[in-house]
Amino acid sequence: MSLAEDLLEQAKFLVHRDPQKPRQASLRRAVSTAYHAVFHLLATSAADQASSATPPALRLRVRRALDHSEMKTAAQSFASSNLPRQIAPLIRGALARELVSVADSFIRLQEDRHKADYDLDIRFDRAVTEEAVARATQVFRDWASVRETDGAKVFLAGLMFHKRWNR
């Protein structure tokens, strides 16, 4: 099982860790972990696309080079179907609904993660937390259905190079 899958499983566990009265720590960690599951799913895919299997540490270095805020900016382009003019021609036809959903969910999960990790004025409840974990679960399904498409490959490149696409 991959790290991304392990993290998703951990998020699902944390949602229901305290069956009677969920603790804020469990709910907040579940939201944060759901985001990180998606982050690692996409980071692994991007590193696999961008680098060969050898030397073994290369893919790890590529994954470490990814920047959360740059990934969010790239995802915003895909979620709104507003791709940079230099990139749009690389994708034949419209973006797949599932890819748009992946991009939109990445953004929402990242925003939820920031709230969970840093905004102590917000109280999380089980329903909101379950929604975040369900969103992450759907990302895994959607990604599995589109990961081999041209759109997904361009999306992964965007996660790494979005700031440099205007050159």
N, C-alpha and C. Protein backbone atom coordinates (compact mmCIF):
# COMPACT_ATOMS: atom_id res chain seq x y z
N MET A 1 0.85 -1.18 0.00
CA MET A 1 0.00 0.00 0.00
C MET A 1 0.90 1.24 0.00
N SER A 2 0.54 2.22 -0.79
CA SER A 2 1.34 3.44 -0.89
C SER A 2 1.12 4.34 0.32
N LEU A 3 2.01 5.31 0.48
CA LEU A 3 1.85 6.29 1.56
C LEU A 3 0.51 7.02 1.41
N ALA A 4 0.16 7.41 0.20
CA ALA A 4 -1.11 8.12 -0.02
C ALA A 4 -2.29 7.26 0.44
N GLU A 5 -2.29 5.99 0.09
CA GLU A 5 -3.38 5.10 0.50
C GLU A 5 -3.39 4.91 2.02
N ASP A 6 -2.23 4.78 2.61
CA ASP A 6 -2.13 4.67 4.07
C ASP A 6 -2.70 5.90 4.76
N LEU A 7 -2.37 7.08 4.22
CA LEU A 7 -2.87 8.32 4.80
C LEU A 7 -4.39 8.41 4.69
N LEU A 8 -4.93 8.01 3.56
CA LEU A 8 -6.39 8.03 3.39
C LEU A 8 -7.04 7.08 4.40
N GLU A 9 -6.47 5.92 4.56
CA GLU A 9 -6.99 4.96 5.54
C GLU A 9 -6.92 5.54 6.96
N GLN A 10 -5.81 6.22 7.26
CA GLN A 10 -5.65 6.84 8.57
C GLN A 10 -6.69 7.93 8.79
N ALA A 11 -6.97 8.73 7.77
CA ALA A 11 -7.99 9.78 7.88
C ALA A 11 -9.35 9.16 8.19
N LYS A 12 -9.68 8.08 7.50
CA LYS A 12 -10.96 7.41 7.75
C LYS A 12 -11.03 6.88 9.17
N PHE A 13 -9.93 6.35 9.68
CA PHE A 13 -9.88 5.87 11.06
C PHE A 13 -10.09 7.01 12.05
N LEU A 14 -9.43 8.13 11.82
CA LEU A 14 -9.50 9.25 12.76
C LEU A 14 -10.90 9.85 12.86
N VAL A 15 -11.65 9.83 11.78
CA VAL A 15 -13.01 10.37 11.82
C VAL A 15 -13.85 9.64 12.86
N HIS A 16 -13.63 8.34 12.99
CA HIS A 16 -14.46 7.52 13.88
C HIS A 16 -13.69 7.01 15.09
N ARG A 17 -12.55 7.59 15.35
CA ARG A 17 -11.71 7.14 16.48
C ARG A 17 -12.44 7.26 17.80
N ASP A 18 -13.17 8.34 17.97
CA ASP A 18 -13.91 8.60 19.21
C ASP A 18 -15.40 8.52 18.90
N PRO A 19 -16.00 7.33 19.04
CA PRO A 19 -17.37 7.14 18.55
C PRO A 19 -18.43 7.99 19.25
N GLN A 20 -18.30 8.23 20.52
CA GLN A 20 -19.33 8.98 21.25
C GLN A 20 -19.17 10.48 21.11
N LYS A 21 -18.02 10.97 21.51
CA LYS A 21 -17.78 12.41 21.49
C LYS A 21 -16.42 12.65 20.82
N PRO A 22 -16.46 12.98 19.53
CA PRO A 22 -15.20 13.12 18.81
C PRO A 22 -14.36 14.28 19.36
N ARG A 23 -13.09 14.03 19.50
CA ARG A 23 -12.16 15.06 19.96
C ARG A 23 -11.75 15.93 18.78
N GLN A 24 -11.55 17.20 19.07
CA GLN A 24 -11.09 18.13 18.04
C GLN A 24 -9.78 17.66 17.43
N ALA A 25 -8.90 17.13 18.24
CA ALA A 25 -7.60 16.67 17.72
C ALA A 25 -7.80 15.59 16.66
N SER A 26 -8.70 14.65 16.92
CA SER A 26 -8.95 13.57 15.96
C SER A 26 -9.57 14.10 14.68
N LEU A 27 -10.55 14.99 14.82
CA LEU A 27 -11.22 15.54 13.65
C LEU A 27 -10.27 16.40 12.83
N ARG A 28 -9.50 17.24 13.50
CA ARG A 28 -8.55 18.11 12.80
C ARG A 28 -7.47 17.28 12.09
N ARG A 29 -6.97 16.26 12.75
CA ARG A 29 -5.96 15.41 12.13
C ARG A 29 -6.55 14.65 10.94
N ALA A 30 -7.81 14.26 11.04
CA ALA A 30 -8.45 13.56 9.92
C ALA A 30 -8.50 14.46 8.69
N VAL A 31 -8.89 15.73 8.88
CA VAL A 31 -8.95 16.67 7.76
C VAL A 31 -7.57 16.89 7.17
N SER A 32 -6.61 17.14 8.03
CA SER A 32 -5.24 17.38 7.58
C SER A 32 -4.68 16.15 6.86
N THR A 33 -4.95 14.99 7.40
CA THR A 33 -4.45 13.75 6.81
C THR A 33 -5.12 13.46 5.47
N ALA A 34 -6.40 13.80 5.35
CA ALA A 34 -7.10 13.62 4.06
C ALA A 34 -6.42 14.47 2.99
N TYR A 35 -6.09 15.71 3.32
CA TYR A 35 -5.38 16.55 2.35
C TYR A 35 -4.03 15.94 2.00
N HIS A 36 -3.29 15.51 3.00
CA HIS A 36 -1.96 14.97 2.72
C HIS A 36 -2.02 13.67 1.91
N ALA A 37 -3.09 12.91 2.06
CA ALA A 37 -3.27 11.72 1.23
C ALA A 37 -3.35 12.13 -0.24
N VAL A 38 -4.14 13.15 -0.53
CA VAL A 38 -4.29 13.63 -1.91
C VAL A 38 -2.99 14.26 -2.39
N PHE A 39 -2.35 15.06 -1.54
CA PHE A 39 -1.07 15.66 -1.90
C PHE A 39 -0.07 14.58 -2.32
N HIS A 40 0.05 13.53 -1.51
CA HIS A 40 1.03 12.49 -1.83
C HIS A 40 0.62 11.65 -3.04
N LEU A 41 -0.67 11.47 -3.26
CA LEU A 41 -1.13 10.79 -4.47
C LEU A 41 -0.66 11.56 -5.70
N LEU A 42 -0.89 12.87 -5.70
CA LEU A 42 -0.51 13.68 -6.86
C LEU A 42 1.00 13.89 -6.95
N ALA A 43 1.66 14.06 -5.82
CA ALA A 43 3.12 14.25 -5.82
C ALA A 43 3.82 13.02 -6.35
N THR A 44 3.36 11.85 -5.95
CA THR A 44 3.95 10.61 -6.45
C THR A 44 3.73 10.47 -7.95
N SER A 45 2.54 10.78 -8.39
CA SER A 45 2.24 10.71 -9.83
C SER A 45 3.10 11.68 -10.61
N ALA A 46 3.26 12.90 -10.08
CA ALA A 46 4.09 13.90 -10.77
C ALA A 46 5.54 13.45 -10.82
N ALA A 47 6.06 12.93 -9.72
CA ALA A 47 7.45 12.48 -9.69
C ALA A 47 7.66 11.29 -10.62
N ASP A 48 6.70 10.38 -10.66
CA ASP A 48 6.81 9.23 -11.56
C ASP A 48 6.85 9.69 -13.01
N GLN A 49 6.04 10.70 -13.33
CA GLN A 49 6.00 11.22 -14.70
C GLN A 49 7.28 11.97 -15.05
N ALA A 50 7.83 12.69 -14.11
CA ALA A 50 8.95 13.60 -14.39
C ALA A 50 10.33 12.96 -14.29
N SER A 51 10.41 11.79 -13.68
CA SER A 51 11.75 11.22 -13.47
C SER A 51 11.74 9.71 -13.68
N SER A 52 12.91 9.22 -13.98
CA SER A 52 13.05 7.78 -14.17
C SER A 52 13.19 7.10 -12.80
N ALA A 53 13.17 5.80 -12.83
CA ALA A 53 13.27 5.03 -11.58
C ALA A 53 14.69 5.03 -11.01
N THR A 54 15.66 5.38 -11.83
CA THR A 54 17.04 5.41 -11.34
C THR A 54 17.65 6.78 -11.61
N PRO A 55 18.47 7.27 -10.75
CA PRO A 55 18.79 6.71 -9.45
C PRO A 55 17.56 6.76 -8.53
N PRO A 56 17.48 5.82 -7.59
CA PRO A 56 16.28 5.69 -6.76
C PRO A 56 15.89 6.97 -6.01
N ALA A 57 16.84 7.76 -5.59
CA ALA A 57 16.52 8.96 -4.81
C ALA A 57 15.99 10.11 -5.66
N LEU A 58 16.06 9.99 -6.98
CA LEU A 58 15.63 11.08 -7.84
C LEU A 58 14.14 11.39 -7.67
N ARG A 59 13.31 10.37 -7.68
CA ARG A 59 11.87 10.61 -7.52
C ARG A 59 11.56 11.26 -6.18
N LEU A 60 12.27 10.87 -5.16
CA LEU A 60 12.07 11.49 -3.84
C LEU A 60 12.42 12.97 -3.88
N ARG A 61 13.49 13.31 -4.58
CA ARG A 61 13.89 14.72 -4.68
C ARG A 61 12.85 15.52 -5.47
N VAL A 62 12.30 14.93 -6.52
CA VAL A 62 11.27 15.60 -7.30
C VAL A 62 10.04 15.85 -6.41
N ARG A 63 9.65 14.85 -5.65
CA ARG A 63 8.49 15.01 -4.75
C ARG A 63 8.74 16.12 -3.74
N ARG A 64 9.95 16.17 -3.21
CA ARG A 64 10.28 17.20 -2.21
C ARG A 64 10.30 18.60 -2.82
N ALA A 65 10.51 18.69 -4.12
CA ALA A 65 10.58 20.00 -4.77
C ALA A 65 9.20 20.62 -5.01
N LEU A 66 8.16 19.81 -4.89
CA LEU A 66 6.81 20.34 -5.11
C LEU A 66 6.43 21.32 -4.01
N ASP A 67 5.75 22.38 -4.42
CA ASP A 67 5.36 23.45 -3.51
C ASP A 67 3.84 23.48 -3.39
N HIS A 68 3.34 23.42 -2.17
CA HIS A 68 1.89 23.36 -1.95
C HIS A 68 1.16 24.54 -2.58
N SER A 69 1.70 25.75 -2.43
CA SER A 69 0.98 26.92 -2.97
C SER A 69 1.03 26.95 -4.50
N GLU A 70 2.14 26.52 -5.09
CA GLU A 70 2.20 26.46 -6.55
C GLU A 70 1.26 25.39 -7.08
N MET A 71 1.17 24.29 -6.37
CA MET A 71 0.23 23.25 -6.77
C MET A 71 -1.20 23.77 -6.73
N LYS A 72 -1.52 24.56 -5.71
CA LYS A 72 -2.87 25.13 -5.59
C LYS A 72 -3.15 26.07 -6.76
N THR A 73 -2.17 26.90 -7.11
CA THR A 73 -2.35 27.82 -8.23
C THR A 73 -2.60 27.06 -9.53
N ALA A 74 -1.83 26.01 -9.75
CA ALA A 74 -2.04 25.19 -10.94
C ALA A 74 -3.42 24.54 -10.91
N ALA A 75 -3.79 24.02 -9.76
CA ALA A 75 -5.09 23.37 -9.63
C ALA A 75 -6.23 24.36 -9.91
N GLN A 76 -6.05 25.62 -9.52
CA GLN A 76 -7.08 26.62 -9.78
C GLN A 76 -7.31 26.80 -11.28
N SER A 77 -6.25 26.75 -12.07
CA SER A 77 -6.39 26.85 -13.52
C SER A 77 -7.22 25.70 -14.07
N PHE A 78 -6.98 24.52 -13.56
CA PHE A 78 -7.70 23.34 -14.05
C PHE A 78 -9.12 23.30 -13.51
N ALA A 79 -9.31 23.69 -12.26
CA ALA A 79 -10.64 23.67 -11.66
C ALA A 79 -11.58 24.64 -12.37
N SER A 80 -11.03 25.76 -12.84
CA SER A 80 -11.85 26.75 -13.54
C SER A 80 -11.82 26.55 -15.05
N SER A 81 -11.08 25.55 -15.51
CA SER A 81 -10.87 25.30 -16.94
C SER A 81 -10.33 26.54 -17.64
N ASN A 82 -9.50 27.30 -16.94
CA ASN A 82 -8.90 28.52 -17.45
C ASN A 82 -7.39 28.31 -17.57
N LEU A 83 -7.01 27.49 -18.53
CA LEU A 83 -5.60 27.13 -18.68
C LEU A 83 -4.82 28.24 -19.38
N PRO A 84 -3.55 28.38 -19.04
CA PRO A 84 -2.72 29.35 -19.76
C PRO A 84 -2.77 29.05 -21.27
N ARG A 85 -2.73 30.11 -22.08
CA ARG A 85 -2.91 29.96 -23.53
C ARG A 85 -1.85 29.05 -24.15
N GLN A 86 -0.65 28.99 -23.55
CA GLN A 86 0.39 28.12 -24.10
C GLN A 86 0.12 26.64 -23.81
N ILE A 87 -0.70 26.38 -22.82
CA ILE A 87 -0.92 25.00 -22.36
C ILE A 87 -2.20 24.40 -22.93
N ALA A 88 -3.23 25.21 -23.08
CA ALA A 88 -4.53 24.71 -23.53
C ALA A 88 -4.45 23.83 -24.77
N PRO A 89 -3.62 24.18 -25.79
CA PRO A 89 -3.57 23.33 -26.99
C PRO A 89 -3.01 21.92 -26.75
N LEU A 90 -2.36 21.71 -25.62
CA LEU A 90 -1.80 20.38 -25.33
C LEU A 90 -2.87 19.36 -24.98
N ILE A 91 -4.05 19.86 -24.65
CA ILE A 91 -5.14 18.97 -24.24
C ILE A 91 -6.17 18.95 -25.35
N ARG A 92 -6.41 17.76 -25.87
CA ARG A 92 -7.40 17.61 -26.93
C ARG A 92 -8.80 17.59 -26.32
N GLY A 93 -9.61 18.53 -26.72
CA GLY A 93 -10.98 18.57 -26.22
C GLY A 93 -11.08 19.20 -24.84
N ALA A 94 -12.23 19.04 -24.25
CA ALA A 94 -12.50 19.61 -22.94
C ALA A 94 -11.82 18.78 -21.86
N LEU A 95 -11.55 19.43 -20.74
CA LEU A 95 -11.01 18.70 -19.59
C LEU A 95 -12.06 17.72 -19.08
N ALA A 96 -11.61 16.55 -18.71
CA ALA A 96 -12.51 15.55 -18.15
C ALA A 96 -13.10 16.07 -16.84
N ARG A 97 -14.38 15.80 -16.63
CA ARG A 97 -15.06 16.21 -15.40
C ARG A 97 -14.31 15.71 -14.17
N GLU A 98 -13.79 14.49 -14.24
CA GLU A 98 -13.07 13.93 -13.09
C GLU A 98 -11.78 14.70 -12.79
N LEU A 99 -11.11 15.17 -13.84
CA LEU A 99 -9.89 15.93 -13.63
C LEU A 99 -10.20 17.29 -13.01
N VAL A 100 -11.25 17.92 -13.47
CA VAL A 100 -11.68 19.19 -12.88
C VAL A 100 -12.03 18.97 -11.40
N SER A 101 -12.68 17.86 -11.12
CA SER A 101 -13.04 17.53 -9.74
C SER A 101 -11.79 17.31 -8.88
N VAL A 102 -10.80 16.62 -9.41
CA VAL A 102 -9.54 16.42 -8.68
C VAL A 102 -8.92 17.77 -8.34
N ALA A 103 -8.85 18.65 -9.32
CA ALA A 103 -8.25 19.96 -9.10
C ALA A 103 -9.04 20.76 -8.07
N ASP A 104 -10.35 20.79 -8.21
CA ASP A 104 -11.19 21.53 -7.27
C ASP A 104 -11.08 20.95 -5.85
N SER A 105 -11.09 19.64 -5.75
CA SER A 105 -11.00 19.00 -4.44
C SER A 105 -9.64 19.23 -3.78
N PHE A 106 -8.58 19.25 -4.58
CA PHE A 106 -7.25 19.55 -4.03
C PHE A 106 -7.27 20.93 -3.37
N ILE A 107 -7.85 21.91 -4.06
CA ILE A 107 -7.92 23.27 -3.52
C ILE A 107 -8.72 23.29 -2.22
N ARG A 108 -9.89 22.71 -2.25
CA ARG A 108 -10.76 22.71 -1.07
C ARG A 108 -10.14 21.98 0.10
N LEU A 109 -9.52 20.85 -0.18
CA LEU A 109 -8.88 20.10 0.90
C LEU A 109 -7.70 20.86 1.48
N GLN A 110 -6.95 21.56 0.64
CA GLN A 110 -5.84 22.35 1.15
C GLN A 110 -6.35 23.47 2.05
N GLU A 111 -7.43 24.12 1.64
CA GLU A 111 -8.02 25.19 2.46
C GLU A 111 -8.54 24.62 3.78
N ASP A 112 -9.19 23.46 3.71
CA ASP A 112 -9.68 22.80 4.94
C ASP A 112 -8.52 22.42 5.84
N ARG A 113 -7.45 21.95 5.25
CA ARG A 113 -6.28 21.56 6.02
C ARG A 113 -5.69 22.76 6.77
N HIS A 114 -5.64 23.91 6.11
CA HIS A 114 -5.12 25.11 6.77
C HIS A 114 -6.01 25.50 7.95
N LYS A 115 -7.30 25.39 7.78
CA LYS A 115 -8.22 25.67 8.89
C LYS A 115 -7.99 24.68 10.04
N ALA A 116 -7.89 23.42 9.69
CA ALA A 116 -7.72 22.38 10.71
C ALA A 116 -6.41 22.54 11.48
N ASP A 117 -5.37 22.92 10.77
CA ASP A 117 -4.06 23.00 11.41
C ASP A 117 -3.79 24.33 12.10
N TYR A 118 -4.44 25.41 11.63
CA TYR A 118 -4.04 26.73 12.12
C TYR A 118 -5.15 27.59 12.70
N ASP A 119 -6.40 27.34 12.39
CA ASP A 119 -7.48 28.20 12.86
C ASP A 119 -8.19 27.56 14.05
N LEU A 120 -7.74 27.90 15.24
CA LEU A 120 -8.28 27.28 16.44
C LEU A 120 -9.64 27.86 16.83
N ASP A 121 -10.09 28.91 16.17
CA ASP A 121 -11.42 29.47 16.42
C ASP A 121 -12.51 28.60 15.82
N ILE A 122 -12.16 27.78 14.87
CA ILE A 122 -13.15 26.92 14.20
C ILE A 122 -13.24 25.60 14.95
N ARG A 123 -14.49 25.16 15.18
CA ARG A 123 -14.72 23.84 15.77
C ARG A 123 -15.17 22.91 14.65
N PHE A 124 -14.54 21.79 14.56
CA PHE A 124 -14.90 20.80 13.55
C PHE A 124 -15.90 19.83 14.15
N ASP A 125 -16.82 19.37 13.32
CA ASP A 125 -17.73 18.31 13.75
C ASP A 125 -17.53 17.11 12.84
N ARG A 126 -18.12 16.01 13.24
CA ARG A 126 -17.91 14.78 12.49
C ARG A 126 -18.41 14.89 11.06
N ALA A 127 -19.55 15.54 10.84
CA ALA A 127 -20.12 15.63 9.49
C ALA A 127 -19.19 16.37 8.54
N VAL A 128 -18.64 17.50 8.98
CA VAL A 128 -17.72 18.27 8.15
C VAL A 128 -16.46 17.46 7.87
N THR A 129 -16.00 16.76 8.88
CA THR A 129 -14.79 15.95 8.73
C THR A 129 -15.04 14.78 7.79
N GLU A 130 -16.18 14.13 7.94
CA GLU A 130 -16.52 13.03 7.03
C GLU A 130 -16.60 13.53 5.58
N GLU A 131 -17.10 14.74 5.40
CA GLU A 131 -17.19 15.32 4.05
C GLU A 131 -15.79 15.50 3.45
N ALA A 132 -14.85 15.97 4.23
CA ALA A 132 -13.48 16.15 3.74
C ALA A 132 -12.85 14.80 3.39
N VAL A 133 -13.06 13.82 4.23
CA VAL A 133 -12.49 12.49 3.95
C VAL A 133 -13.16 11.86 2.74
N ALA A 134 -14.45 12.06 2.60
CA ALA A 134 -15.16 11.55 1.41
C ALA A 134 -14.65 12.23 0.15
N ARG A 135 -14.37 13.52 0.24
CA ARG A 135 -13.83 14.26 -0.91
C ARG A 135 -12.48 13.67 -1.31
N ALA A 136 -11.63 13.41 -0.34
CA ALA A 136 -10.33 12.81 -0.63
C ALA A 136 -10.49 11.42 -1.25
N THR A 137 -11.41 10.65 -0.74
CA THR A 137 -11.68 9.31 -1.28
C THR A 137 -12.12 9.41 -2.74
N GLN A 138 -12.96 10.39 -3.03
CA GLN A 138 -13.42 10.59 -4.41
C GLN A 138 -12.26 11.00 -5.32
N VAL A 139 -11.33 11.78 -4.80
CA VAL A 139 -10.15 12.15 -5.60
C VAL A 139 -9.41 10.90 -6.04
N PHE A 140 -9.23 9.94 -5.15
CA PHE A 140 -8.53 8.71 -5.50
C PHE A 140 -9.27 7.99 -6.63
N ARG A 141 -10.60 7.94 -6.56
CA ARG A 141 -11.38 7.29 -7.62
C ARG A 141 -11.28 8.06 -8.93
N ASP A 142 -11.46 9.37 -8.84
CA ASP A 142 -11.40 10.19 -10.05
C ASP A 142 -10.02 10.12 -10.69
N TRP A 143 -8.98 10.20 -9.86
CA TRP A 143 -7.63 10.16 -10.40
C TRP A 143 -7.36 8.83 -11.11
N ALA A 144 -7.83 7.74 -10.53
CA ALA A 144 -7.64 6.43 -11.16
C ALA A 144 -8.28 6.39 -12.55
N SER A 145 -9.37 7.12 -12.73
CA SER A 145 -10.06 7.07 -14.03
C SER A 145 -9.44 7.99 -15.08
N VAL A 146 -8.63 8.98 -14.66
CA VAL A 146 -8.09 9.94 -15.65
C VAL A 146 -6.57 10.00 -15.71
N ARG A 147 -5.90 9.29 -14.85
CA ARG A 147 -4.44 9.50 -14.71
C ARG A 147 -3.64 9.25 -15.97
N GLU A 148 -4.15 8.48 -16.90
CA GLU A 148 -3.42 8.20 -18.14
C GLU A 148 -3.79 9.15 -19.28
N THR A 149 -4.67 10.09 -19.04
CA THR A 149 -5.12 10.99 -20.10
C THR A 149 -4.12 12.12 -20.31
N ASP A 150 -4.21 12.75 -21.49
CA ASP A 150 -3.36 13.91 -21.77
C ASP A 150 -3.60 15.01 -20.75
N GLY A 151 -4.86 15.24 -20.41
CA GLY A 151 -5.18 16.28 -19.44
C GLY A 151 -4.52 16.05 -18.11
N ALA A 152 -4.53 14.80 -17.64
CA ALA A 152 -3.90 14.49 -16.35
C ALA A 152 -2.39 14.69 -16.42
N LYS A 153 -1.79 14.32 -17.54
CA LYS A 153 -0.34 14.49 -17.69
C LYS A 153 0.04 15.97 -17.70
N VAL A 154 -0.77 16.78 -18.36
CA VAL A 154 -0.52 18.22 -18.37
C VAL A 154 -0.76 18.79 -16.96
N PHE A 155 -1.78 18.30 -16.29
CA PHE A 155 -2.06 18.72 -14.92
C PHE A 155 -0.86 18.44 -14.01
N LEU A 156 -0.29 17.25 -14.10
CA LEU A 156 0.87 16.92 -13.28
C LEU A 156 2.05 17.83 -13.59
N ALA A 157 2.26 18.11 -14.87
CA ALA A 157 3.33 19.04 -15.23
C ALA A 157 3.05 20.42 -14.65
N GLY A 158 1.78 20.81 -14.66
CA GLY A 158 1.40 22.09 -14.09
C GLY A 158 1.67 22.18 -12.61
N LEU A 159 1.49 21.08 -11.90
CA LEU A 159 1.76 21.09 -10.47
C LEU A 159 3.22 21.42 -10.19
N MET A 160 4.08 21.07 -11.14
CA MET A 160 5.52 21.32 -10.96
C MET A 160 5.97 22.64 -11.58
N PHE A 161 5.39 23.01 -12.71
CA PHE A 161 5.96 24.10 -13.51
C PHE A 161 5.02 25.26 -13.79
N HIS A 162 3.91 25.35 -13.11
CA HIS A 162 2.89 26.35 -13.44
C HIS A 162 3.46 27.77 -13.50
N LYS A 163 4.30 28.12 -12.57
CA LYS A 163 4.86 29.49 -12.55
C LYS A 163 5.72 29.77 -13.77
N ARG A 164 6.26 28.75 -14.39
CA ARG A 164 7.19 28.93 -15.50
C ARG A 164 6.53 28.78 -16.87
N TRP A 165 5.23 28.53 -16.90
CA TRP A 165 4.56 28.29 -18.17
C TRP A 165 4.44 29.52 -19.04
N ASN A 166 4.62 30.68 -18.52
CA ASN A 166 4.50 31.90 -19.33
C ASN A 166 5.77 32.22 -20.09
N ARG A 167 6.77 31.43 -19.96
CA ARG A 167 8.04 31.70 -20.66
C ARG A 167 7.97 31.25 -22.09
